[in-house]
Amino acid sequence: MSFTFAIIGRPNVGKSTLFNRLVGQKLALVDDQPGVTRDRREGQARLGDLSFTIIDTAGLDEGARGSLTARMQEQTEAAIAAADALFFVIDARIGLTPTDRSFADFARRASKPVVLLANKSEGKHGELGAMESYALGLGDPIQISAEHGEGMGELYDALRDIMPAPVDEDDDADADEGDAASRPIRVAIVGRPNAGKSTMINQLLGEERLLTSPEAGTTRDSISVEINFKGRPFRVFDTAGLRRRSRIEEKLEKLSVADALRAVRFAEVVVLMLDAQTKFEEQDLRIADLIEREGRALVVAVNKWDLMGSRANQVGALRAEVDHWLPQVKGVPIVAVSGLMGEGIDRLMKAIEDAYAIWNRRISTSALNRWFEQAIAANPPPAVSGRRLKLNYITQTKGRPPSFVLFCSRADAVPESYLRYLINSIRENFQLPGTPIRITLREKANPFAHKRKRPS
């Protein structure tokens, strides 16, 4: 198992910037506003020939029992318990604060190796704060600038003294090849703010891994967690609530939304979480349209179903509602769930697996063209400008999502309505409910185009 470091310290000392520097990507949201990070986020870090797991945490701060701040600190404590060693980060430009001193005692009580990092040490102002940090009693401070990449050599030397010898990369590669068949399905859970996304993931995990609150907008980063459900691995991404663009004003919310959209683009299956009491609002439809345009497999989960009272006849009505509002993904799986009560979890995970299988499905060219002939015979393409459209044949070029190339005489003249007819017919005849389907038109070369007409 990978050696693990947890990054701890008070808010706004640059923990997330350091996390991004070590993982080599801008995974964690960074802003001048304190307290941006709330949940703990894991990543695979690399420094020279050293590879390790790193956990970004919320800033250590004091809060009333049961408050959001207190539960953020509980997430940090869980990260410390899971780590093999700690990065304790201070802001060298500000120097030591009473909060730094208080939480240095907290780090010592963890009884784990601590690497003291004086961040923002670039320039003259950082030198004095770094010298002050000797008073914490956590050893020699390493002066770094996470933003500019300064001090990484000194950090490497410190890690070499703590970490075990690096594992041979060739052995890792062999292990990766063996695990390729059992790689987790990447699932993003998206929806409007306060739809219950984090509560649902906590229910799947069986623990309070993600922060939840009645207040909308609790989740900011797109946090990924590993779930093994009945022997099948999943990597599930919790995302920030998506509001209409016109309502997004703060820079931090814009960053959160961009992070959520990135999670959708890298997911394989996207679960659109609706609130049972306010389902199919305009923003829900916009999010579903975005998922379809990105070509992701889609599952619709109607959450808070336990609040709907008499539910005997409502499940059947959901099917008709979804097909009415989302005709572009007709037949998309829909599951009534309650993240708080744990209802419908098995059905949801089964729907995700089924949607993933459909998204990967391939159809033989012979079967496609047998269907194609019947579809054209039943509904011939319309004549355009008095000229008949000739559709030659169709073939599937790839899955994920199912994509097809249709060879024809005049690609620019095929009406959108006729393409929709073909897509719906493919969906019905080859059992591809709910998955996005792509048809690309390509003109077949005319073998006689180079020949001139004979003079009369």
Protein backbone atom coordinates (compact mmCIF):
# COMPACT_ATOMS: atom_id res chain seq x y z
CA MET A 1 0.00 0.00 0.00
CA SER A 2 1.24 3.52 -0.86
CA PHE A 3 2.86 5.63 1.86
CA THR A 4 0.41 8.39 2.82
CA PHE A 5 0.95 12.00 3.91
CA ALA A 6 -1.83 14.27 5.22
CA ILE A 7 -1.42 18.03 4.73
CA ILE A 8 -2.63 19.90 7.81
CA GLY A 9 -2.54 23.47 9.08
CA ARG A 10 -4.80 26.42 9.72
CA PRO A 11 -6.91 27.86 6.86
CA ASN A 12 -5.32 29.70 3.92
CA VAL A 13 -1.69 28.66 4.45
CA GLY A 14 -1.48 27.06 0.97
CA LYS A 15 -2.32 23.41 1.64
CA SER A 16 -4.34 22.95 -1.54
CA THR A 17 -1.68 24.72 -3.61
CA LEU A 18 0.91 22.27 -2.27
CA PHE A 19 -1.45 19.37 -2.99
CA ASN A 20 -1.84 20.50 -6.61
CA ARG A 21 1.92 20.97 -6.95
CA LEU A 22 2.69 17.43 -5.77
CA VAL A 23 -0.03 15.65 -7.79
CA GLY A 24 0.90 17.65 -10.89
CA GLN A 25 -2.67 18.79 -11.60
CA LYS A 26 -5.04 21.49 -10.41
CA LEU A 27 -7.35 19.06 -8.65
CA ALA A 28 -8.07 21.03 -5.50
CA LEU A 29 -9.79 24.42 -5.64
CA VAL A 30 -7.52 27.32 -4.67
CA ASP A 31 -8.68 30.82 -3.73
CA ASP A 32 -7.56 33.69 -1.49
CA GLN A 33 -10.71 33.20 0.59
CA PRO A 34 -10.01 31.08 3.71
CA GLY A 35 -11.83 27.77 4.19
CA VAL A 36 -12.23 26.79 0.53
CA THR A 37 -11.41 23.13 1.22
CA ARG A 38 -14.05 21.34 3.29
CA ASP A 39 -13.88 17.61 2.55
CA ARG A 40 -10.64 15.67 2.47
CA ARG A 41 -9.29 14.90 -1.00
CA GLU A 42 -6.78 12.18 -1.92
CA GLY A 43 -4.35 12.16 -4.83
CA GLN A 44 -1.32 10.28 -6.11
CA ALA A 45 1.75 12.48 -5.70
CA ARG A 46 5.23 12.27 -7.14
CA LEU A 47 8.44 14.05 -6.18
CA GLY A 48 11.51 12.87 -8.07
CA ASP A 49 11.53 9.07 -7.84
CA LEU A 50 9.24 9.10 -4.78
CA SER A 51 5.58 8.15 -5.23
CA PHE A 52 3.08 8.48 -2.40
CA THR A 53 -0.55 9.21 -1.56
CA ILE A 54 -1.35 12.68 -0.33
CA ILE A 55 -4.49 13.94 1.44
CA ASP A 56 -5.59 17.57 1.30
CA THR A 57 -7.63 18.59 4.34
CA ALA A 58 -9.75 21.44 5.60
CA GLY A 59 -7.94 24.10 7.60
CA LEU A 60 -7.74 23.29 11.29
CA ASP A 61 -10.11 25.64 13.09
CA GLU A 62 -12.23 25.62 16.20
CA GLY A 63 -16.01 25.38 16.02
CA ALA A 64 -19.03 24.53 18.14
CA ARG A 65 -19.86 20.85 18.44
CA GLY A 66 -22.04 19.72 15.52
CA SER A 67 -21.31 22.83 13.45
CA LEU A 68 -19.98 22.66 9.88
CA THR A 69 -16.56 23.86 11.11
CA ALA A 70 -16.43 21.13 13.75
CA ARG A 71 -17.36 18.46 11.21
CA MET A 72 -14.69 19.79 8.84
CA GLN A 73 -12.16 19.25 11.64
CA GLU A 74 -13.48 15.70 12.10
CA GLN A 75 -12.68 15.09 8.41
CA THR A 76 -9.15 16.37 9.05
CA GLU A 77 -8.78 14.09 12.08
CA ALA A 78 -9.87 11.13 9.94
CA ALA A 79 -7.18 12.04 7.39
CA ILE A 80 -4.54 12.20 10.14
CA ALA A 81 -5.59 8.77 11.42
CA ALA A 82 -5.28 7.31 7.90
CA ALA A 83 -1.88 8.89 7.17
CA ASP A 84 1.60 7.50 7.83
CA ALA A 85 3.11 10.98 8.26
CA LEU A 86 2.04 14.64 8.28
CA PHE A 87 2.91 17.85 6.46
CA PHE A 88 2.32 20.66 8.94
CA VAL A 89 2.09 23.89 6.91
CA ILE A 90 2.44 27.46 8.20
CA ASP A 91 2.36 30.79 6.35
CA ALA A 92 5.91 32.17 6.56
CA ARG A 93 4.83 35.66 5.49
CA ILE A 94 2.47 36.02 8.47
CA GLY A 95 4.60 34.09 10.95
CA LEU A 96 3.36 32.00 13.85
CA THR A 97 -0.14 32.57 15.18
CA PRO A 98 -1.75 31.23 18.36
CA THR A 99 -3.75 28.84 16.12
CA ASP A 100 -0.50 27.44 14.67
CA ARG A 101 0.85 26.81 18.18
CA SER A 102 -2.40 25.18 19.31
CA PHE A 103 -2.55 22.79 16.38
CA ALA A 104 1.17 21.98 16.57
CA ASP A 105 0.29 20.31 19.88
CA PHE A 106 -2.51 18.50 18.03
CA ALA A 107 0.01 17.24 15.42
CA ARG A 108 2.43 16.04 18.13
CA ARG A 109 -0.32 14.03 19.82
CA ALA A 110 -0.83 12.11 16.58
CA SER A 111 2.50 10.32 17.29
CA LYS A 112 3.45 10.29 13.61
CA PRO A 113 6.41 11.78 11.74
CA VAL A 114 5.83 15.48 11.03
CA VAL A 115 7.45 17.50 8.22
CA LEU A 116 7.23 21.20 9.10
CA LEU A 117 6.76 23.33 5.96
CA ALA A 118 7.09 27.13 6.01
CA ASN A 119 5.11 27.96 2.87
CA LYS A 120 5.15 31.30 0.99
CA SER A 121 8.84 31.68 1.87
CA GLU A 122 9.75 33.41 -1.38
CA GLY A 123 11.32 36.84 -0.90
CA LYS A 124 12.62 38.58 2.21
CA HIS A 125 9.34 38.55 4.15
CA GLY A 126 9.22 34.75 4.33
CA GLU A 127 12.59 34.34 6.05
CA LEU A 128 11.54 35.71 9.43
CA GLY A 129 8.36 33.60 9.65
CA ALA A 130 10.33 30.47 8.82
CA MET A 131 12.76 31.20 11.66
CA GLU A 132 9.86 31.70 14.08
CA SER A 133 8.55 28.20 13.32
CA TYR A 134 11.44 26.62 15.23
CA ALA A 135 9.43 27.54 18.35
CA LEU A 136 6.83 24.89 17.46
CA GLY A 137 9.21 22.11 18.42
CA LEU A 138 8.49 20.10 15.24
CA GLY A 139 12.05 20.07 13.95
CA ASP A 140 13.77 22.12 11.26
CA PRO A 141 11.32 23.96 8.99
CA ILE A 142 11.63 23.45 5.23
CA GLN A 143 11.18 26.74 3.40
CA ILE A 144 9.05 26.26 0.31
CA SER A 145 6.84 28.13 -2.10
CA ALA A 146 4.10 25.76 -3.25
CA GLU A 147 2.89 28.30 -5.80
CA HIS A 148 6.30 28.81 -7.45
CA GLY A 149 7.79 25.35 -6.83
CA GLU A 150 10.66 26.56 -4.64
CA GLY A 151 12.17 24.30 -1.98
CA MET A 152 11.05 21.02 -3.57
CA GLY A 153 14.62 19.66 -3.47
CA GLU A 154 14.80 20.14 0.31
CA LEU A 155 11.36 18.57 0.67
CA TYR A 156 12.54 15.57 -1.36
CA ASP A 157 15.50 15.05 0.98
CA ALA A 158 13.21 15.13 4.02
CA LEU A 159 10.83 12.60 2.47
CA ARG A 160 13.66 10.21 1.62
CA ASP A 161 14.50 10.01 5.33
CA ILE A 162 10.89 9.16 6.27
CA MET A 163 9.62 6.96 3.47
CA PRO A 164 10.54 3.33 2.78
CA ALA A 165 12.60 2.52 -0.31
CA PRO A 166 10.74 3.16 -3.62
CA VAL A 167 8.98 0.16 -5.16
CA ASP A 168 10.30 -1.03 -8.52
CA GLU A 169 8.13 0.63 -11.22
CA ASP A 170 8.29 -2.47 -13.43
CA ASP A 171 6.53 -4.45 -10.68
CA ASP A 172 3.87 -1.74 -10.49
CA ALA A 173 3.34 -1.87 -14.25
CA ASP A 174 2.83 -5.65 -14.17
CA ALA A 175 0.31 -5.25 -11.37
CA ASP A 176 -1.55 -2.54 -13.32
CA GLU A 177 -1.85 -4.80 -16.36
CA GLY A 178 -3.28 -7.56 -14.22
CA ASP A 179 -5.84 -5.19 -12.69
CA ALA A 180 -6.97 -3.66 -16.00
CA ALA A 181 -10.00 -5.94 -16.25
CA SER A 182 -11.25 -4.90 -12.81
CA ARG A 183 -10.76 -1.13 -13.05
CA PRO A 184 -13.51 0.83 -11.31
CA ILE A 185 -16.41 2.40 -13.21
CA ARG A 186 -16.07 6.20 -12.97
CA VAL A 187 -19.37 7.67 -11.76
CA ALA A 188 -20.13 11.38 -11.27
CA ILE A 189 -23.16 12.38 -9.21
CA VAL A 190 -24.48 15.78 -10.29
CA GLY A 191 -27.52 17.94 -9.74
CA ARG A 192 -28.78 21.21 -8.35
CA PRO A 193 -27.58 22.39 -4.92
CA ASN A 194 -28.99 20.47 -1.95
CA ALA A 195 -30.34 17.57 -4.02
CA GLY A 196 -28.72 15.10 -1.60
CA LYS A 197 -25.63 14.03 -3.57
CA SER A 198 -23.20 13.84 -0.63
CA THR A 199 -25.78 12.13 1.59
CA MET A 200 -26.23 9.42 -1.06
CA ILE A 201 -22.48 8.77 -1.32
CA ASN A 202 -22.17 8.57 2.47
CA GLN A 203 -24.95 5.98 2.41
CA LEU A 204 -23.05 3.96 -0.21
CA LEU A 205 -19.89 4.11 1.89
CA GLY A 206 -21.64 3.38 5.18
CA GLU A 207 -19.85 6.28 6.88
CA GLU A 208 -19.89 10.09 7.08
CA ARG A 209 -17.07 10.48 4.55
CA LEU A 210 -18.45 13.67 2.94
CA LEU A 211 -19.74 16.76 4.67
CA THR A 212 -23.50 17.28 4.47
CA SER A 213 -25.66 20.17 5.60
CA PRO A 214 -29.19 21.52 5.05
CA GLU A 215 -27.43 24.62 3.71
CA ALA A 216 -27.06 24.51 -0.09
CA GLY A 217 -23.50 24.69 -1.45
CA THR A 218 -21.71 22.68 1.24
CA THR A 219 -19.71 20.68 -1.36
CA ARG A 220 -17.13 22.72 -3.27
CA ASP A 221 -14.45 20.37 -4.62
CA SER A 222 -15.27 17.33 -6.74
CA ILE A 223 -14.25 14.63 -4.25
CA SER A 224 -13.67 11.07 -5.46
CA VAL A 225 -14.16 8.01 -3.25
CA GLU A 226 -13.62 4.31 -3.92
CA ILE A 227 -16.64 2.05 -3.41
CA ASN A 228 -16.81 -1.72 -3.72
CA PHE A 229 -20.44 -2.73 -4.17
CA LYS A 230 -21.11 -6.46 -4.25
CA GLY A 231 -17.65 -7.17 -5.65
CA ARG A 232 -17.73 -4.47 -8.36
CA PRO A 233 -15.39 -1.47 -7.88
CA PHE A 234 -16.61 2.07 -8.50
CA ARG A 235 -14.89 5.45 -8.27
CA VAL A 236 -17.64 7.90 -7.37
CA PHE A 237 -17.24 11.68 -7.70
CA ASP A 238 -19.28 13.98 -5.49
CA THR A 239 -19.72 17.39 -7.14
CA ALA A 240 -20.84 20.89 -6.27
CA GLY A 241 -24.46 21.79 -7.02
CA LEU A 242 -24.97 23.30 -10.46
CA ARG A 243 -27.04 26.47 -10.61
CA ARG A 244 -28.01 28.60 -13.59
CA ARG A 245 -25.06 30.59 -14.91
CA SER A 246 -26.89 33.88 -14.37
CA ARG A 247 -27.10 33.16 -10.62
CA ILE A 248 -23.40 32.38 -10.20
CA GLU A 249 -21.61 35.50 -9.02
CA GLU A 250 -18.84 34.50 -6.63
CA LYS A 251 -15.49 33.43 -8.04
CA LEU A 252 -15.37 30.43 -5.69
CA GLU A 253 -18.70 29.08 -6.96
CA LYS A 254 -17.48 29.48 -10.55
CA LEU A 255 -14.43 27.36 -9.67
CA SER A 256 -16.67 24.75 -8.00
CA VAL A 257 -18.93 24.54 -11.05
CA ALA A 258 -15.95 24.22 -13.40
CA ASP A 259 -14.66 21.37 -11.21
CA ALA A 260 -18.06 19.64 -11.39
CA LEU A 261 -18.18 19.97 -15.18
CA ARG A 262 -14.69 18.48 -15.40
CA ALA A 263 -15.89 15.51 -13.34
CA VAL A 264 -18.73 14.97 -15.83
CA ARG A 265 -16.32 14.99 -18.78
CA PHE A 266 -14.05 12.40 -17.17
CA ALA A 267 -16.85 10.16 -15.88
CA GLU A 268 -18.21 7.11 -17.67
CA VAL A 269 -21.64 7.13 -16.02
CA VAL A 270 -23.31 10.28 -14.69
CA VAL A 271 -26.11 10.09 -12.11
CA LEU A 272 -28.41 13.10 -12.36
CA MET A 273 -29.83 13.58 -8.87
CA LEU A 274 -33.28 15.20 -8.76
CA ASP A 275 -35.19 16.38 -5.70
CA ALA A 276 -38.49 14.45 -5.64
CA GLN A 277 -40.34 17.53 -4.41
CA THR A 278 -39.05 19.89 -7.13
CA LYS A 279 -38.04 17.60 -9.99
CA PHE A 280 -37.63 18.56 -13.64
CA GLU A 281 -36.93 22.22 -13.11
CA GLU A 282 -35.26 24.07 -15.97
CA GLN A 283 -31.78 23.58 -14.50
CA ASP A 284 -32.33 19.81 -14.25
CA LEU A 285 -33.10 19.72 -17.96
CA ARG A 286 -30.03 21.82 -18.77
CA ILE A 287 -27.80 19.46 -16.80
CA ALA A 288 -29.29 16.42 -18.56
CA ASP A 289 -28.69 18.09 -21.92
CA LEU A 290 -25.06 18.77 -20.94
CA ILE A 291 -24.54 15.11 -20.02
CA GLU A 292 -26.01 14.00 -23.36
CA ARG A 293 -23.78 16.44 -25.30
CA GLU A 294 -20.72 15.12 -23.45
CA GLY A 295 -21.72 11.58 -24.49
CA ARG A 296 -21.80 10.11 -20.97
CA ALA A 297 -24.06 7.25 -19.90
CA LEU A 298 -26.93 8.67 -17.84
CA VAL A 299 -28.95 7.43 -14.85
CA VAL A 300 -31.68 9.61 -13.30
CA ALA A 301 -32.05 9.25 -9.52
CA VAL A 302 -35.06 10.89 -7.85
CA ASN A 303 -33.92 11.50 -4.28
CA LYS A 304 -35.87 12.22 -1.07
CA TRP A 305 -38.50 9.71 -2.18
CA ASP A 306 -39.29 9.02 1.47
CA LEU A 307 -40.96 12.46 1.65
CA MET A 308 -43.49 11.71 -1.07
CA GLY A 309 -46.14 10.12 1.17
CA SER A 310 -48.30 7.65 -0.80
CA ARG A 311 -46.00 6.29 -3.50
CA ALA A 312 -48.01 3.40 -4.92
CA ASN A 313 -48.82 4.96 -8.29
CA GLN A 314 -46.03 7.53 -8.52
CA VAL A 315 -43.18 5.31 -9.74
CA GLY A 316 -45.02 4.46 -12.94
CA ALA A 317 -45.75 8.14 -13.53
CA LEU A 318 -42.02 8.91 -13.24
CA ARG A 319 -41.28 6.89 -16.38
CA ALA A 320 -43.73 8.92 -18.44
CA GLU A 321 -42.39 12.19 -16.99
CA VAL A 322 -38.77 11.37 -17.79
CA ASP A 323 -39.55 10.35 -21.39
CA HIS A 324 -41.54 13.56 -21.82
CA TRP A 325 -38.86 15.89 -20.46
CA LEU A 326 -35.78 14.02 -21.77
CA PRO A 327 -36.68 12.77 -25.27
CA GLN A 328 -33.03 12.96 -26.36
CA VAL A 329 -32.23 10.02 -24.04
CA LYS A 330 -35.48 8.14 -24.31
CA GLY A 331 -35.67 5.12 -22.01
CA VAL A 332 -33.00 6.44 -19.62
CA PRO A 333 -33.03 4.39 -16.39
CA ILE A 334 -34.79 6.15 -13.51
CA VAL A 335 -34.53 5.08 -9.87
CA ALA A 336 -36.47 6.40 -6.87
CA VAL A 337 -34.09 6.62 -3.90
CA SER A 338 -33.68 8.07 -0.44
CA GLY A 339 -30.07 8.88 0.41
CA LEU A 340 -31.02 9.64 4.01
CA MET A 341 -32.93 6.39 4.59
CA GLY A 342 -30.85 4.16 2.30
CA GLU A 343 -33.80 3.20 0.08
CA GLY A 344 -33.19 2.15 -3.53
CA ILE A 345 -29.39 1.80 -3.24
CA ASP A 346 -29.28 -1.67 -4.82
CA ARG A 347 -31.48 -0.54 -7.72
CA LEU A 348 -29.33 2.53 -8.30
CA MET A 349 -26.05 0.58 -8.45
CA LYS A 350 -27.63 -2.01 -10.77
CA ALA A 351 -28.86 0.80 -13.04
CA ILE A 352 -25.32 2.26 -13.14
CA GLU A 353 -23.84 -1.11 -14.16
CA ASP A 354 -26.50 -1.63 -16.83
CA ALA A 355 -26.05 1.90 -18.22
CA TYR A 356 -22.27 1.35 -18.37
CA ALA A 357 -22.74 -1.93 -20.30
CA ILE A 358 -25.11 -0.28 -22.80
CA TRP A 359 -22.73 2.66 -23.23
CA ASN A 360 -19.97 0.20 -24.24
CA ARG A 361 -22.15 -1.92 -26.56
CA ARG A 362 -21.07 -2.63 -30.15
CA ILE A 363 -23.31 -3.83 -33.00
CA SER A 364 -22.08 -5.85 -35.98
CA THR A 365 -22.19 -4.17 -39.38
CA SER A 366 -24.29 -6.97 -40.87
CA ALA A 367 -26.99 -6.61 -38.17
CA LEU A 368 -26.92 -2.83 -38.56
CA ASN A 369 -27.46 -2.93 -42.31
CA ARG A 370 -30.30 -5.47 -42.05
CA TRP A 371 -32.02 -3.02 -39.72
CA PHE A 372 -31.02 -0.10 -42.00
CA GLU A 373 -32.74 -1.57 -45.04
CA GLN A 374 -35.94 -2.17 -43.07
CA ALA A 375 -35.85 1.34 -41.55
CA ILE A 376 -35.47 3.01 -44.96
CA ALA A 377 -38.19 0.82 -46.50
CA ALA A 378 -40.60 1.71 -43.68
CA ASN A 379 -39.83 5.43 -43.86
CA PRO A 380 -37.85 6.54 -46.96
CA PRO A 381 -35.77 9.72 -46.68
CA PRO A 382 -37.53 12.79 -48.08
CA ALA A 383 -36.61 14.34 -51.42
CA VAL A 384 -34.78 17.65 -51.06
CA SER A 385 -35.08 20.27 -53.83
CA GLY A 386 -36.71 17.68 -56.02
CA ARG A 387 -33.76 15.29 -55.74
CA ARG A 388 -33.88 11.95 -53.98
CA LEU A 389 -31.48 11.32 -51.09
CA LYS A 390 -29.55 8.11 -51.39
CA LEU A 391 -28.50 6.46 -48.11
CA ASN A 392 -25.97 3.70 -48.84
CA TYR A 393 -24.97 1.89 -45.64
CA ILE A 394 -24.12 2.38 -41.95
CA THR A 395 -21.41 1.05 -39.64
CA GLN A 396 -20.47 1.51 -35.99
CA THR A 397 -17.12 3.22 -35.48
CA LYS A 398 -16.88 3.05 -31.68
CA GLY A 399 -18.68 2.68 -28.38
CA ARG A 400 -18.59 4.95 -25.32
CA PRO A 401 -21.10 6.26 -26.52
CA PRO A 402 -22.32 4.14 -29.48
CA SER A 403 -21.24 6.10 -32.58
CA PHE A 404 -22.10 5.35 -36.21
CA VAL A 405 -21.10 6.58 -39.67
CA LEU A 406 -23.83 6.78 -42.33
CA PHE A 407 -22.62 6.93 -45.94
CA CYS A 408 -24.94 8.88 -48.23
CA SER A 409 -25.07 10.96 -51.42
CA ARG A 410 -25.62 14.47 -49.96
CA ALA A 411 -24.71 14.75 -46.29
CA ASP A 412 -25.72 18.40 -45.95
CA ALA A 413 -29.24 17.68 -47.26
CA VAL A 414 -30.27 15.00 -44.72
CA PRO A 415 -32.86 16.61 -42.40
CA GLU A 416 -32.33 16.58 -38.62
CA SER A 417 -35.77 15.06 -38.21
CA TYR A 418 -34.77 12.03 -40.30
CA LEU A 419 -31.59 11.58 -38.21
CA ARG A 420 -33.73 11.61 -35.06
CA TYR A 421 -35.91 8.93 -36.62
CA LEU A 422 -32.85 6.75 -37.29
CA ILE A 423 -31.45 7.32 -33.78
CA ASN A 424 -34.76 6.39 -32.12
CA SER A 425 -35.04 3.32 -34.36
CA ILE A 426 -31.50 2.20 -33.43
CA ARG A 427 -32.29 2.75 -29.75
CA GLU A 428 -35.45 0.63 -29.98
CA ASN A 429 -34.17 -2.18 -32.19
CA PHE A 430 -30.80 -2.73 -30.49
CA GLN A 431 -31.88 -2.11 -26.86
CA LEU A 432 -29.87 1.05 -26.23
CA PRO A 433 -32.22 2.86 -23.81
CA GLY A 434 -31.08 6.16 -22.39
CA THR A 435 -27.54 6.22 -23.80
CA PRO A 436 -26.44 9.04 -26.13
CA ILE A 437 -26.19 7.90 -29.78
CA ARG A 438 -24.09 9.65 -32.41
CA ILE A 439 -24.59 9.43 -36.20
CA THR A 440 -22.03 11.13 -38.45
CA LEU A 441 -22.88 11.64 -42.11
CA ARG A 442 -20.24 11.00 -44.72
CA GLU A 443 -20.63 11.41 -48.47
CA LYS A 444 -19.67 8.41 -50.54
CA ALA A 445 -17.23 9.27 -53.32
CA ASN A 446 -18.75 9.39 -56.81
CA PRO A 447 -16.60 7.14 -59.07
CA PHE A 448 -17.75 9.03 -62.16
CA ALA A 449 -17.23 12.55 -60.85
CA HIS A 450 -13.93 12.97 -62.71
CA LYS A 451 -15.41 12.09 -66.07
CA ARG A 452 -16.77 14.83 -68.26
CA LYS A 453 -20.02 14.52 -70.14
CA ARG A 454 -19.62 13.62 -73.77
CA PRO A 455 -20.41 16.46 -76.18
CA SER A 456 -23.77 16.04 -77.84
